[in-house]
Amino acid sequence: METKSATATAPAPAQTASEKTRFQRIWRMLRKKPMSLLGFGLISFFALAAALAPVLAPPAPNARDAYIIPQDGYSPDPVRPNDAHIFGTTEQQYDLYYGMVWGTRTAFRVALTVVFVSLVIGIIVGGLSGFYGGWVDDVLMRFTDIILAFPDLVLAVVIVAVSGPSLHNVMLSVTAVSWPSYARLLRGEVLSIKERDFVSAARALGASDFRILFRHIIPNSIYPLLVVASLSMGRIVITAAALSFLGLGAPVGYADWGQLISLSRNWILGTSGNPFEYWHTVFIPGFTIFLFVLGWNLLGDAVRDILDPRQK
């Protein structure tokens, strides 16, 4: 009985070998492109900073919201990096280091939330449109075309201006302009895959439309969407930062990279006779956004190489 139990709980050799081969192939592909490893390293660094934010920048014991940046006075002139503020302060004396660390969490929350919701909406709209065709396709795709006809940033600004400035409304507006591209892409994939033999076989066996669409078609057509989603993470963060810079995003003092750049707008050119006196207020949050976006773009290229069947 003991031998039989041990045999039953042992992993299947074929499955283990298959998983090992898969990981070896992925690692081999990543090694061929060191920039993909750089992207993975950058995103891992930011993820670690977000996870350790309470340790790297502990909030005050009586703080009601950890995302509110501590202030050291109300002077309009920033303070350059020193022992008390290793990244210096912005105008109104918000600690830049604290804002950068907790702003990492904000960036991940915005990017992941917008991508997830946009994917869900795009899958539903694109899947139904491509699967049923006819008037369903006409109605859904014409509505999608209307959204795509507006410039993304302009439409996002209008939505936030109407609904009111807040980080939640920023995520809502960016989602509203992001899902149509996923829907159009998935529709094209569904139109191709629904004519395959395995779909016809499932229909002949009496499978319902819901099962055929979500069990057979979408799992075989979602890979291009995952690639686009990984490449969109950086664009979403830039768009959200732009809205915060315009004063339509997070409130003043909230740990958001776009909000920190907004606080530096009066000091971009420095002071008279010293244009680089307050360089830290612009360079540190701007360069951080650059690295964050670069990491997602490089990681997106790696995801594309891994999921592209032509690379296998």
C-alpha atoms as a PDB file:
ATOM      1  CA  MET A   1       0.000   0.000   0.000  1.00  0.00           C
ATOM      2  CA  GLU A   2       2.830   2.421   0.801  1.00  0.00           C
ATOM      3  CA  THR A   3       4.507   1.749  -2.552  1.00  0.00           C
ATOM      4  CA  LYS A   4       1.258   2.343  -4.401  1.00  0.00           C
ATOM      5  CA  SER A   5       0.633   5.611  -2.563  1.00  0.00           C
ATOM      6  CA  ALA A   6       4.132   6.877  -3.283  1.00  0.00           C
ATOM      7  CA  THR A   7       3.718   6.014  -6.935  1.00  0.00           C
ATOM      8  CA  ALA A   8       0.372   7.816  -7.137  1.00  0.00           C
ATOM      9  CA  THR A   9       1.737  11.045  -5.663  1.00  0.00           C
ATOM     10  CA  ALA A  10       4.905  11.135  -7.735  1.00  0.00           C
ATOM     11  CA  PRO A  11       4.894  13.725 -10.588  1.00  0.00           C
ATOM     12  CA  ALA A  12       4.396  12.390 -14.063  1.00  0.00           C
ATOM     13  CA  PRO A  13       7.834  12.124 -15.722  1.00  0.00           C
ATOM     14  CA  ALA A  14       6.480  13.215 -19.107  1.00  0.00           C
ATOM     15  CA  GLN A  15       4.839  16.330 -17.631  1.00  0.00           C
ATOM     16  CA  THR A  16       7.947  17.257 -15.649  1.00  0.00           C
ATOM     17  CA  ALA A  17      10.142  16.831 -18.713  1.00  0.00           C
ATOM     18  CA  SER A  18       7.746  18.932 -20.778  1.00  0.00           C
ATOM     19  CA  GLU A  19       7.776  21.775 -18.236  1.00  0.00           C
ATOM     20  CA  LYS A  20      11.559  21.591 -18.018  1.00  0.00           C
ATOM     21  CA  THR A  21      11.860  21.755 -21.791  1.00  0.00           C
ATOM     22  CA  ARG A  22       9.481  24.728 -21.919  1.00  0.00           C
ATOM     23  CA  PHE A  23      11.456  26.696 -19.346  1.00  0.00           C
ATOM     24  CA  GLN A  24      14.719  25.824 -21.083  1.00  0.00           C
ATOM     25  CA  ARG A  25      13.326  27.120 -24.379  1.00  0.00           C
ATOM     26  CA  ILE A  26      12.132  30.356 -22.759  1.00  0.00           C
ATOM     27  CA  TRP A  27      15.480  30.880 -21.031  1.00  0.00           C
ATOM     28  CA  ARG A  28      17.355  30.154 -24.255  1.00  0.00           C
ATOM     29  CA  MET A  29      15.264  32.724 -26.123  1.00  0.00           C
ATOM     30  CA  LEU A  30      15.818  35.347 -23.417  1.00  0.00           C
ATOM     31  CA  ARG A  31      19.570  34.759 -23.439  1.00  0.00           C
ATOM     32  CA  LYS A  32      19.647  35.538 -27.142  1.00  0.00           C
ATOM     33  CA  LYS A  33      18.252  39.003 -26.371  1.00  0.00           C
ATOM     34  CA  PRO A  34      20.001  40.540 -23.350  1.00  0.00           C
ATOM     35  CA  MET A  35      17.744  43.603 -23.581  1.00  0.00           C
ATOM     36  CA  SER A  36      14.810  41.396 -22.639  1.00  0.00           C
ATOM     37  CA  LEU A  37      16.680  40.391 -19.492  1.00  0.00           C
ATOM     38  CA  LEU A  38      17.279  44.089 -18.810  1.00  0.00           C
ATOM     39  CA  GLY A  39      13.537  44.711 -19.060  1.00  0.00           C
ATOM     40  CA  PHE A  40      12.819  41.844 -16.689  1.00  0.00           C
ATOM     41  CA  GLY A  41      15.408  43.218 -14.265  1.00  0.00           C
ATOM     42  CA  LEU A  42      13.931  46.734 -14.346  1.00  0.00           C
ATOM     43  CA  ILE A  43      10.379  45.542 -13.713  1.00  0.00           C
ATOM     44  CA  SER A  44      11.603  43.199 -10.967  1.00  0.00           C
ATOM     45  CA  PHE A  45      13.382  46.142  -9.322  1.00  0.00           C
ATOM     46  CA  PHE A  46      10.251  48.301  -9.386  1.00  0.00           C
ATOM     47  CA  ALA A  47       8.101  45.407  -8.162  1.00  0.00           C
ATOM     48  CA  LEU A  48      10.488  44.865  -5.251  1.00  0.00           C
ATOM     49  CA  ALA A  49      10.420  48.581  -4.422  1.00  0.00           C
ATOM     50  CA  ALA A  50       6.606  48.546  -4.459  1.00  0.00           C
ATOM     51  CA  ALA A  51       6.451  45.472  -2.220  1.00  0.00           C
ATOM     52  CA  LEU A  52       8.948  46.925   0.259  1.00  0.00           C
ATOM     53  CA  ALA A  53       7.527  50.468   0.248  1.00  0.00           C
ATOM     54  CA  PRO A  54       6.531  50.366   3.962  1.00  0.00           C
ATOM     55  CA  VAL A  55      10.128  49.363   4.781  1.00  0.00           C
ATOM     56  CA  LEU A  56      11.949  51.672   2.370  1.00  0.00           C
ATOM     57  CA  ALA A  57       9.795  54.699   3.216  1.00  0.00           C
ATOM     58  CA  PRO A  58       7.860  54.062   6.453  1.00  0.00           C
ATOM     59  CA  PRO A  59       4.751  56.248   6.782  1.00  0.00           C
ATOM     60  CA  ALA A  60       4.219  58.289   9.911  1.00  0.00           C
ATOM     61  CA  PRO A  61       2.598  56.331  12.778  1.00  0.00           C
ATOM     62  CA  ASN A  62      -0.448  58.631  12.765  1.00  0.00           C
ATOM     63  CA  ALA A  63      -0.750  58.848   8.966  1.00  0.00           C
ATOM     64  CA  ARG A  64      -4.330  58.322   7.753  1.00  0.00           C
ATOM     65  CA  ASP A  65      -3.203  57.419   4.231  1.00  0.00           C
ATOM     66  CA  ALA A  66       0.255  56.021   3.486  1.00  0.00           C
ATOM     67  CA  TYR A  67       0.095  57.451  -0.038  1.00  0.00           C
ATOM     68  CA  ILE A  68       0.020  61.057   1.213  1.00  0.00           C
ATOM     69  CA  ILE A  69       3.566  62.425   1.000  1.00  0.00           C
ATOM     70  CA  PRO A  70       4.904  63.941   4.252  1.00  0.00           C
ATOM     71  CA  GLN A  71       5.565  67.673   4.236  1.00  0.00           C
ATOM     72  CA  ASP A  72       8.433  69.503   5.925  1.00  0.00           C
ATOM     73  CA  GLY A  73       6.964  72.985   5.809  1.00  0.00           C
ATOM     74  CA  TYR A  74       5.130  74.979   3.146  1.00  0.00           C
ATOM     75  CA  SER A  75       7.891  76.930   1.425  1.00  0.00           C
ATOM     76  CA  PRO A  76       7.346  77.290  -2.346  1.00  0.00           C
ATOM     77  CA  ASP A  77      11.072  76.810  -3.020  1.00  0.00           C
ATOM     78  CA  PRO A  78      12.255  73.177  -3.302  1.00  0.00           C
ATOM     79  CA  VAL A  79      15.153  71.908  -1.215  1.00  0.00           C
ATOM     80  CA  ARG A  80      18.041  70.137  -2.892  1.00  0.00           C
ATOM     81  CA  PRO A  81      19.088  66.615  -1.795  1.00  0.00           C
ATOM     82  CA  ASN A  82      20.520  66.541   1.730  1.00  0.00           C
ATOM     83  CA  ASP A  83      20.839  64.231   4.724  1.00  0.00           C
ATOM     84  CA  ALA A  84      17.217  64.733   5.788  1.00  0.00           C
ATOM     85  CA  HIS A  85      15.798  64.343   2.252  1.00  0.00           C
ATOM     86  CA  ILE A  86      18.040  62.153   0.094  1.00  0.00           C
ATOM     87  CA  PHE A  87      16.129  63.114  -3.084  1.00  0.00           C
ATOM     88  CA  GLY A  88      15.343  66.620  -1.879  1.00  0.00           C
ATOM     89  CA  THR A  89      11.869  68.104  -1.761  1.00  0.00           C
ATOM     90  CA  THR A  90       9.437  69.545  -4.267  1.00  0.00           C
ATOM     91  CA  GLU A  91       7.699  72.875  -3.885  1.00  0.00           C
ATOM     92  CA  GLN A  92       5.544  72.989  -0.736  1.00  0.00           C
ATOM     93  CA  GLN A  93       8.239  70.725   0.785  1.00  0.00           C
ATOM     94  CA  TYR A  94       6.904  67.295  -0.180  1.00  0.00           C
ATOM     95  CA  ASP A  95       9.568  64.639   0.357  1.00  0.00           C
ATOM     96  CA  LEU A  96      10.569  63.426  -3.111  1.00  0.00           C
ATOM     97  CA  TYR A  97      12.051  60.099  -1.977  1.00  0.00           C
ATOM     98  CA  TYR A  98       8.849  59.098  -0.181  1.00  0.00           C
ATOM     99  CA  GLY A  99       6.778  60.080  -3.202  1.00  0.00           C
ATOM    100  CA  MET A 100       8.965  58.084  -5.576  1.00  0.00           C
ATOM    101  CA  VAL A 101       8.830  54.897  -3.474  1.00  0.00           C
ATOM    102  CA  TRP A 102       5.077  54.921  -2.866  1.00  0.00           C
ATOM    103  CA  GLY A 103       4.490  56.209  -6.375  1.00  0.00           C
ATOM    104  CA  THR A 104       5.806  52.856  -7.597  1.00  0.00           C
ATOM    105  CA  ARG A 105       2.754  51.197  -6.063  1.00  0.00           C
ATOM    106  CA  THR A 106       0.519  53.770  -7.730  1.00  0.00           C
ATOM    107  CA  ALA A 107       2.116  53.103 -11.121  1.00  0.00           C
ATOM    108  CA  PHE A 108       1.592  49.342 -10.822  1.00  0.00           C
ATOM    109  CA  ARG A 109      -1.975  49.787  -9.585  1.00  0.00           C
ATOM    110  CA  VAL A 110      -2.892  52.069 -12.478  1.00  0.00           C
ATOM    111  CA  ALA A 111      -1.186  49.964 -15.152  1.00  0.00           C
ATOM    112  CA  LEU A 112      -2.425  46.561 -13.969  1.00  0.00           C
ATOM    113  CA  THR A 113      -5.983  47.735 -13.292  1.00  0.00           C
ATOM    114  CA  VAL A 114      -6.368  49.461 -16.649  1.00  0.00           C
ATOM    115  CA  VAL A 115      -4.863  46.554 -18.591  1.00  0.00           C
ATOM    116  CA  PHE A 116      -6.996  43.957 -16.805  1.00  0.00           C
ATOM    117  CA  VAL A 117     -10.286  45.816 -17.231  1.00  0.00           C
ATOM    118  CA  SER A 118      -9.457  46.739 -20.840  1.00  0.00           C
ATOM    119  CA  LEU A 119      -8.647  43.103 -21.603  1.00  0.00           C
ATOM    120  CA  VAL A 120     -11.928  41.890 -20.118  1.00  0.00           C
ATOM    121  CA  ILE A 121     -13.982  44.428 -22.079  1.00  0.00           C
ATOM    122  CA  GLY A 122     -11.995  43.798 -25.260  1.00  0.00           C
ATOM    123  CA  ILE A 123     -12.401  40.025 -24.958  1.00  0.00           C
ATOM    124  CA  ILE A 124     -16.161  40.284 -24.457  1.00  0.00           C
ATOM    125  CA  VAL A 125     -16.769  42.827 -27.236  1.00  0.00           C
ATOM    126  CA  GLY A 126     -14.293  41.367 -29.728  1.00  0.00           C
ATOM    127  CA  GLY A 127     -15.265  37.776 -28.989  1.00  0.00           C
ATOM    128  CA  LEU A 128     -19.011  38.330 -29.412  1.00  0.00           C
ATOM    129  CA  SER A 129     -18.494  40.470 -32.506  1.00  0.00           C
ATOM    130  CA  GLY A 130     -16.278  37.986 -34.297  1.00  0.00           C
ATOM    131  CA  PHE A 131     -18.207  34.890 -33.227  1.00  0.00           C
ATOM    132  CA  TYR A 132     -21.758  35.953 -34.078  1.00  0.00           C
ATOM    133  CA  GLY A 133     -21.104  38.405 -36.916  1.00  0.00           C
ATOM    134  CA  GLY A 134     -24.127  39.976 -38.604  1.00  0.00           C
ATOM    135  CA  TRP A 135     -25.908  42.774 -36.775  1.00  0.00           C
ATOM    136  CA  VAL A 136     -24.037  41.989 -33.544  1.00  0.00           C
ATOM    137  CA  ASP A 137     -20.750  42.623 -35.325  1.00  0.00           C
ATOM    138  CA  ASP A 138     -22.067  45.800 -36.955  1.00  0.00           C
ATOM    139  CA  VAL A 139     -23.333  47.324 -33.710  1.00  0.00           C
ATOM    140  CA  LEU A 140     -20.284  46.461 -31.584  1.00  0.00           C
ATOM    141  CA  MET A 141     -17.676  47.375 -34.187  1.00  0.00           C
ATOM    142  CA  ARG A 142     -19.332  50.660 -35.161  1.00  0.00           C
ATOM    143  CA  PHE A 143     -19.351  51.663 -31.496  1.00  0.00           C
ATOM    144  CA  THR A 144     -15.695  50.629 -31.279  1.00  0.00           C
ATOM    145  CA  ASP A 145     -14.913  52.712 -34.375  1.00  0.00           C
ATOM    146  CA  ILE A 146     -16.523  55.755 -32.760  1.00  0.00           C
ATOM    147  CA  ILE A 147     -14.229  55.434 -29.729  1.00  0.00           C
ATOM    148  CA  LEU A 148     -11.177  54.908 -31.963  1.00  0.00           C
ATOM    149  CA  ALA A 149     -12.056  58.019 -33.979  1.00  0.00           C
ATOM    150  CA  PHE A 150     -11.147  60.273 -31.037  1.00  0.00           C
ATOM    151  CA  PRO A 151      -7.509  60.938 -30.093  1.00  0.00           C
ATOM    152  CA  ASP A 152      -6.778  58.895 -26.969  1.00  0.00           C
ATOM    153  CA  LEU A 153      -5.420  61.680 -24.779  1.00  0.00           C
ATOM    154  CA  VAL A 154      -8.085  64.198 -25.820  1.00  0.00           C
ATOM    155  CA  LEU A 155     -10.919  61.778 -25.047  1.00  0.00           C
ATOM    156  CA  ALA A 156      -9.302  60.834 -21.727  1.00  0.00           C
ATOM    157  CA  VAL A 157      -9.017  64.515 -20.772  1.00  0.00           C
ATOM    158  CA  VAL A 158     -12.685  65.090 -21.612  1.00  0.00           C
ATOM    159  CA  ILE A 159     -13.814  62.098 -19.525  1.00  0.00           C
ATOM    160  CA  VAL A 160     -11.770  63.160 -16.489  1.00  0.00           C
ATOM    161  CA  ALA A 161     -12.875  66.787 -16.840  1.00  0.00           C
ATOM    162  CA  VAL A 162     -16.530  65.718 -16.864  1.00  0.00           C
ATOM    163  CA  SER A 163     -16.279  63.125 -14.086  1.00  0.00           C
ATOM    164  CA  GLY A 164     -13.946  65.166 -11.891  1.00  0.00           C
ATOM    165  CA  PRO A 165     -10.190  65.023 -11.181  1.00  0.00           C
ATOM    166  CA  SER A 166      -9.139  61.931  -9.246  1.00  0.00           C
ATOM    167  CA  LEU A 167      -6.891  58.912  -9.683  1.00  0.00           C
ATOM    168  CA  HIS A 168      -9.932  56.637  -9.941  1.00  0.00           C
ATOM    169  CA  ASN A 169     -11.356  58.722 -12.790  1.00  0.00           C
ATOM    170  CA  VAL A 170      -7.964  58.710 -14.504  1.00  0.00           C
ATOM    171  CA  MET A 171      -8.002  54.915 -14.530  1.00  0.00           C
ATOM    172  CA  LEU A 172     -11.595  54.976 -15.790  1.00  0.00           C
ATOM    173  CA  SER A 173     -10.746  57.365 -18.624  1.00  0.00           C
ATOM    174  CA  VAL A 174      -7.614  55.491 -19.720  1.00  0.00           C
ATOM    175  CA  THR A 175      -9.594  52.232 -19.702  1.00  0.00           C
ATOM    176  CA  ALA A 176     -12.279  53.833 -21.856  1.00  0.00           C
ATOM    177  CA  VAL A 177      -9.734  54.669 -24.569  1.00  0.00           C
ATOM    178  CA  SER A 178      -7.720  51.432 -24.297  1.00  0.00           C
ATOM    179  CA  TRP A 179     -10.225  48.591 -24.733  1.00  0.00           C
ATOM    180  CA  PRO A 180     -11.155  49.229 -28.434  1.00  0.00           C
ATOM    181  CA  SER A 181      -7.723  48.154 -29.694  1.00  0.00           C
ATOM    182  CA  TYR A 182      -8.038  44.837 -27.833  1.00  0.00           C
ATOM    183  CA  ALA A 183     -11.542  44.302 -29.203  1.00  0.00           C
ATOM    184  CA  ARG A 184     -10.499  44.898 -32.807  1.00  0.00           C
ATOM    185  CA  LEU A 185      -7.487  42.624 -32.501  1.00  0.00           C
ATOM    186  CA  LEU A 186      -9.436  39.765 -30.888  1.00  0.00           C
ATOM    187  CA  ARG A 187     -12.256  40.065 -33.443  1.00  0.00           C
ATOM    188  CA  GLY A 188      -9.799  39.395 -36.259  1.00  0.00           C
ATOM    189  CA  GLU A 189      -8.391  36.367 -34.469  1.00  0.00           C
ATOM    190  CA  VAL A 190     -11.859  34.975 -33.714  1.00  0.00           C
ATOM    191  CA  LEU A 191     -12.961  35.370 -37.339  1.00  0.00           C
ATOM    192  CA  SER A 192     -10.029  33.182 -38.371  1.00  0.00           C
ATOM    193  CA  ILE A 193     -10.191  30.559 -35.627  1.00  0.00           C
ATOM    194  CA  LYS A 194     -13.942  29.981 -35.657  1.00  0.00           C
ATOM    195  CA  GLU A 195     -13.598  28.377 -39.105  1.00  0.00           C
ATOM    196  CA  ARG A 196     -11.134  25.750 -37.858  1.00  0.00           C
ATOM    197  CA  ASP A 197     -12.012  22.052 -37.815  1.00  0.00           C
ATOM    198  CA  PHE A 198     -11.891  21.686 -34.017  1.00  0.00           C
ATOM    199  CA  VAL A 199     -14.577  24.371 -33.685  1.00  0.00           C
ATOM    200  CA  SER A 200     -16.786  22.566 -36.197  1.00  0.00           C
ATOM    201  CA  ALA A 201     -16.241  19.323 -34.302  1.00  0.00           C
ATOM    202  CA  ALA A 202     -17.236  20.930 -30.994  1.00  0.00           C
ATOM    203  CA  ARG A 203     -20.371  22.330 -32.596  1.00  0.00           C
ATOM    204  CA  ALA A 204     -21.234  18.914 -34.077  1.00  0.00           C
ATOM    205  CA  LEU A 205     -20.927  17.355 -30.618  1.00  0.00           C
ATOM    206  CA  GLY A 206     -23.582  19.749 -29.336  1.00  0.00           C
ATOM    207  CA  ALA A 207     -21.396  22.235 -27.453  1.00  0.00           C
ATOM    208  CA  SER A 208     -23.121  25.518 -26.600  1.00  0.00           C
ATOM    209  CA  ASP A 209     -22.058  28.829 -28.096  1.00  0.00           C
ATOM    210  CA  PHE A 210     -20.724  29.934 -24.714  1.00  0.00           C
ATOM    211  CA  ARG A 211     -18.541  26.833 -24.389  1.00  0.00           C
ATOM    212  CA  ILE A 212     -17.286  27.051 -27.972  1.00  0.00           C
ATOM    213  CA  LEU A 213     -16.393  30.736 -27.611  1.00  0.00           C
ATOM    214  CA  PHE A 214     -14.816  30.739 -24.142  1.00  0.00           C
ATOM    215  CA  ARG A 215     -13.481  27.180 -24.036  1.00  0.00           C
ATOM    216  CA  HIS A 216     -12.169  26.677 -27.567  1.00  0.00           C
ATOM    217  CA  ILE A 217     -11.900  29.937 -29.526  1.00  0.00           C
ATOM    218  CA  ILE A 218     -10.706  32.594 -27.071  1.00  0.00           C
ATOM    219  CA  PRO A 219      -7.967  30.440 -25.436  1.00  0.00           C
ATOM    220  CA  ASN A 220      -6.523  29.919 -28.922  1.00  0.00           C
ATOM    221  CA  SER A 221      -6.762  33.569 -29.946  1.00  0.00           C
ATOM    222  CA  ILE A 222      -5.765  35.466 -26.814  1.00  0.00           C
ATOM    223  CA  TYR A 223      -1.983  35.336 -27.201  1.00  0.00           C
ATOM    224  CA  PRO A 224      -1.714  38.433 -29.447  1.00  0.00           C
ATOM    225  CA  LEU A 225      -3.722  40.344 -26.842  1.00  0.00           C
ATOM    226  CA  LEU A 226      -1.274  39.372 -24.103  1.00  0.00           C
ATOM    227  CA  VAL A 227       1.598  40.703 -26.187  1.00  0.00           C
ATOM    228  CA  VAL A 228      -0.204  43.995 -26.827  1.00  0.00           C
ATOM    229  CA  ALA A 229      -1.141  44.229 -23.141  1.00  0.00           C
ATOM    230  CA  SER A 230       2.476  43.862 -22.023  1.00  0.00           C
ATOM    231  CA  LEU A 231       3.543  46.532 -24.500  1.00  0.00           C
ATOM    232  CA  SER A 232       0.694  48.829 -23.366  1.00  0.00           C
ATOM    233  CA  MET A 233       1.711  48.939 -19.704  1.00  0.00           C
ATOM    234  CA  GLY A 234       4.247  51.696 -20.258  1.00  0.00           C
ATOM    235  CA  ARG A 235       1.899  53.748 -22.461  1.00  0.00           C
ATOM    236  CA  ILE A 236      -0.789  53.608 -19.797  1.00  0.00           C
ATOM    237  CA  VAL A 237       1.582  54.928 -17.129  1.00  0.00           C
ATOM    238  CA  ILE A 238       2.662  57.787 -19.409  1.00  0.00           C
ATOM    239  CA  THR A 239      -0.963  58.708 -20.160  1.00  0.00           C
ATOM    240  CA  ALA A 240      -1.895  58.647 -16.473  1.00  0.00           C
ATOM    241  CA  ALA A 241       1.168  60.747 -15.625  1.00  0.00           C
ATOM    242  CA  ALA A 242       0.217  63.254 -18.333  1.00  0.00           C
ATOM    243  CA  LEU A 243      -3.268  63.629 -16.872  1.00  0.00           C
ATOM    244  CA  SER A 244      -1.818  64.119 -13.383  1.00  0.00           C
ATOM    245  CA  PHE A 245       0.612  66.697 -14.774  1.00  0.00           C
ATOM    246  CA  LEU A 246      -2.374  68.587 -16.196  1.00  0.00           C
ATOM    247  CA  GLY A 247      -3.968  68.621 -12.753  1.00  0.00           C
ATOM    248  CA  LEU A 248      -6.643  66.056 -13.611  1.00  0.00           C
ATOM    249  CA  GLY A 249      -5.248  63.093 -11.697  1.00  0.00           C
ATOM    250  CA  ALA A 250      -4.277  62.465  -8.118  1.00  0.00           C
ATOM    251  CA  PRO A 251      -4.669  65.333  -5.602  1.00  0.00           C
ATOM    252  CA  VAL A 252      -1.692  67.455  -4.633  1.00  0.00           C
ATOM    253  CA  GLY A 253       0.572  65.580  -2.239  1.00  0.00           C
ATOM    254  CA  TYR A 254      -0.470  62.112  -3.386  1.00  0.00           C
ATOM    255  CA  ALA A 255       2.343  59.661  -4.180  1.00  0.00           C
ATOM    256  CA  ASP A 256       2.056  59.686  -7.954  1.00  0.00           C
ATOM    257  CA  TRP A 257       4.940  60.253 -10.375  1.00  0.00           C
ATOM    258  CA  GLY A 258       2.896  62.493 -12.652  1.00  0.00           C
ATOM    259  CA  GLN A 259       1.830  64.571  -9.668  1.00  0.00           C
ATOM    260  CA  LEU A 260       5.481  64.957  -8.621  1.00  0.00           C
ATOM    261  CA  ILE A 261       6.423  66.254 -12.066  1.00  0.00           C
ATOM    262  CA  SER A 262       3.470  68.639 -11.871  1.00  0.00           C
ATOM    263  CA  LEU A 263       4.913  70.049  -8.651  1.00  0.00           C
ATOM    264  CA  SER A 264       8.151  70.830 -10.515  1.00  0.00           C
ATOM    265  CA  ARG A 265       6.605  72.760 -13.404  1.00  0.00           C
ATOM    266  CA  ASN A 266       7.609  76.133 -11.910  1.00  0.00           C
ATOM    267  CA  TRP A 267      11.229  75.003 -11.579  1.00  0.00           C
ATOM    268  CA  ILE A 268      11.892  73.293 -14.911  1.00  0.00           C
ATOM    269  CA  LEU A 269      14.125  76.205 -15.934  1.00  0.00           C
ATOM    270  CA  GLY A 270      15.644  76.552 -12.467  1.00  0.00           C
ATOM    271  CA  THR A 271      16.281  80.056 -11.184  1.00  0.00           C
ATOM    272  CA  SER A 272      17.771  83.152 -12.735  1.00  0.00           C
ATOM    273  CA  GLY A 273      21.432  82.460 -13.378  1.00  0.00           C
ATOM    274  CA  ASN A 274      21.245  78.800 -12.349  1.00  0.00           C
ATOM    275  CA  PRO A 275      18.994  76.702 -14.618  1.00  0.00           C
ATOM    276  CA  PHE A 276      20.024  73.432 -12.890  1.00  0.00           C
ATOM    277  CA  GLU A 277      19.513  74.520  -9.287  1.00  0.00           C
ATOM    278  CA  TYR A 278      16.399  72.366  -8.806  1.00  0.00           C
ATOM    279  CA  TRP A 279      17.189  69.714 -11.381  1.00  0.00           C
ATOM    280  CA  HIS A 280      16.121  66.938  -8.996  1.00  0.00           C
ATOM    281  CA  THR A 281      12.463  67.972  -9.045  1.00  0.00           C
ATOM    282  CA  VAL A 282      12.209  67.173 -12.759  1.00  0.00           C
ATOM    283  CA  PHE A 283      14.947  64.637 -13.441  1.00  0.00           C
ATOM    284  CA  ILE A 284      14.244  62.081 -10.695  1.00  0.00           C
ATOM    285  CA  PRO A 285      10.525  61.453 -11.384  1.00  0.00           C
ATOM    286  CA  GLY A 286      10.999  61.884 -15.153  1.00  0.00           C
ATOM    287  CA  PHE A 287      13.887  59.426 -15.353  1.00  0.00           C
ATOM    288  CA  THR A 288      12.001  56.956 -13.147  1.00  0.00           C
ATOM    289  CA  ILE A 289       9.030  57.008 -15.516  1.00  0.00           C
ATOM    290  CA  PHE A 290      11.449  56.509 -18.408  1.00  0.00           C
ATOM    291  CA  LEU A 291      12.971  53.415 -16.780  1.00  0.00           C
ATOM    292  CA  PHE A 292       9.557  52.002 -15.855  1.00  0.00           C
ATOM    293  CA  VAL A 293       8.230  52.401 -19.400  1.00  0.00           C
ATOM    294  CA  LEU A 294      11.469  51.084 -20.906  1.00  0.00           C
ATOM    295  CA  GLY A 295      11.283  47.989 -18.706  1.00  0.00           C
ATOM    296  CA  TRP A 296       7.756  47.165 -19.846  1.00  0.00           C
ATOM    297  CA  ASN A 297       8.620  47.764 -23.502  1.00  0.00           C
ATOM    298  CA  LEU A 298      11.627  45.446 -23.322  1.00  0.00           C
ATOM    299  CA  LEU A 299       9.638  42.861 -21.376  1.00  0.00           C
ATOM    300  CA  GLY A 300       6.855  43.119 -23.943  1.00  0.00           C
ATOM    301  CA  ASP A 301       9.320  42.249 -26.689  1.00  0.00           C
ATOM    302  CA  ALA A 302      10.310  39.163 -24.707  1.00  0.00           C
ATOM    303  CA  VAL A 303       6.666  38.139 -24.269  1.00  0.00           C
ATOM    304  CA  ARG A 304       6.130  38.534 -28.003  1.00  0.00           C
ATOM    305  CA  ASP A 305       9.118  36.321 -28.782  1.00  0.00           C
ATOM    306  CA  ILE A 306       7.948  33.671 -26.309  1.00  0.00           C
ATOM    307  CA  LEU A 307       4.336  33.557 -27.481  1.00  0.00           C
ATOM    308  CA  ASP A 308       5.002  33.954 -31.213  1.00  0.00           C
ATOM    309  CA  PRO A 309       4.668  30.456 -32.724  1.00  0.00           C
ATOM    310  CA  ARG A 310       7.123  31.405 -35.454  1.00  0.00           C
ATOM    311  CA  GLN A 311       9.846  31.596 -32.809  1.00  0.00           C
ATOM    312  CA  LYS A 312       9.284  28.006 -31.644  1.00  0.00           C
END
